[in-house]
Amino acid sequence: MPGKFELFTAKNGKPRFRLKAANGEIIAVSQDYDSKAAAKKGIASIQRNAPGAEIIDTDAVAKAAAKAAPKKAAPKKG
């Protein structure tokens, strides 16, 4: 059985959705939306854009950029 999207109303009254894996584990939760129609558009966007999406480790990117940045000279004493 594949995963599923569940639409629900958050405690603040706003529509949201969650993505559940086949085993029932929640693997993603959306932002608040202004309407259920907007939440459904969010689901459609994920379905359309996520297959084959690239994974970018932003921690690794930041570490590489810091390593490549020129070192600042230490201030001269006296």
Protein backbone atom coordinates (compact mmCIF):
# COMPACT_ATOMS: atom_id res chain seq x y z
CA MET A 1 0.00 0.00 0.00
CA PRO A 2 1.45 3.41 -0.93
CA GLY A 3 1.61 6.40 1.39
CA LYS A 4 -1.26 8.84 1.61
CA PHE A 5 -1.99 12.51 2.14
CA GLU A 6 -4.47 13.38 4.90
CA LEU A 7 -6.26 16.73 4.98
CA PHE A 8 -7.10 17.98 8.46
CA THR A 9 -7.95 21.12 10.38
CA ALA A 10 -5.25 22.33 12.76
CA LYS A 11 -6.03 23.57 16.28
CA ASN A 12 -5.95 27.14 14.94
CA GLY A 13 -8.76 26.29 12.50
CA LYS A 14 -6.55 26.36 9.39
CA PRO A 15 -6.47 23.49 6.87
CA ARG A 16 -3.26 21.47 6.69
CA PHE A 17 -2.15 18.13 5.33
CA ARG A 18 0.21 15.43 6.43
CA LEU A 19 1.93 12.76 4.38
CA LYS A 20 1.88 9.31 5.90
CA ALA A 21 4.07 6.40 4.86
CA ALA A 22 2.52 3.03 4.09
CA ASN A 23 3.18 1.97 7.70
CA GLY A 24 1.16 4.94 9.00
CA GLU A 25 4.15 6.97 10.16
CA ILE A 26 3.83 10.73 9.56
CA ILE A 27 6.74 11.77 7.36
CA ALA A 28 5.75 15.35 6.50
CA VAL A 29 3.33 18.02 7.69
CA SER A 30 2.35 21.10 5.72
CA GLN A 31 2.10 24.74 6.59
CA ASP A 32 -1.27 26.31 7.39
CA TYR A 33 -3.43 27.11 4.36
CA ASP A 34 -6.28 29.59 3.99
CA SER A 35 -8.62 26.97 2.49
CA LYS A 36 -8.92 23.26 1.82
CA ALA A 37 -8.67 24.04 -1.89
CA ALA A 38 -5.30 25.71 -1.30
CA ALA A 39 -4.12 22.72 0.76
CA LYS A 40 -5.14 20.40 -2.08
CA LYS A 41 -3.10 22.55 -4.48
CA GLY A 42 -0.15 22.14 -2.11
CA ILE A 43 -0.57 18.36 -2.25
CA ALA A 44 -0.77 18.48 -6.05
CA SER A 45 2.40 20.56 -6.17
CA ILE A 46 4.29 17.98 -4.11
CA GLN A 47 2.98 15.14 -6.25
CA ARG A 48 4.05 16.98 -9.40
CA ASN A 49 7.42 18.34 -8.24
CA ALA A 50 8.80 15.78 -5.79
CA PRO A 51 9.39 12.66 -7.94
CA GLY A 52 13.12 12.57 -8.60
CA ALA A 53 13.71 15.74 -6.59
CA GLU A 54 17.35 16.45 -5.84
CA ILE A 55 18.52 16.15 -2.23
CA ILE A 56 20.75 19.02 -1.13
CA ASP A 57 22.53 18.79 2.21
CA THR A 58 22.68 22.48 3.13
CA ASP A 59 24.98 21.74 6.08
CA ALA A 60 27.54 20.23 3.70
CA VAL A 61 27.15 23.13 1.26
CA ALA A 62 27.72 25.69 4.04
CA LYS A 63 30.74 23.77 5.35
CA ALA A 64 32.29 23.62 1.86
CA ALA A 65 31.67 27.34 1.31
CA ALA A 66 33.28 28.21 4.64
CA LYS A 67 36.29 26.05 3.83
CA ALA A 68 36.69 27.68 0.41
CA ALA A 69 36.31 31.26 1.73
CA PRO A 70 39.56 33.21 2.02
CA LYS A 71 40.86 33.43 5.57
CA LYS A 72 40.82 36.87 7.20
CA ALA A 73 44.16 38.04 8.48
CA ALA A 74 44.48 38.27 12.24
CA PRO A 75 44.69 41.84 13.53
CA LYS A 76 48.23 43.07 14.06
CA LYS A 77 49.34 43.51 17.63
CA GLY A 78 50.72 46.81 18.96
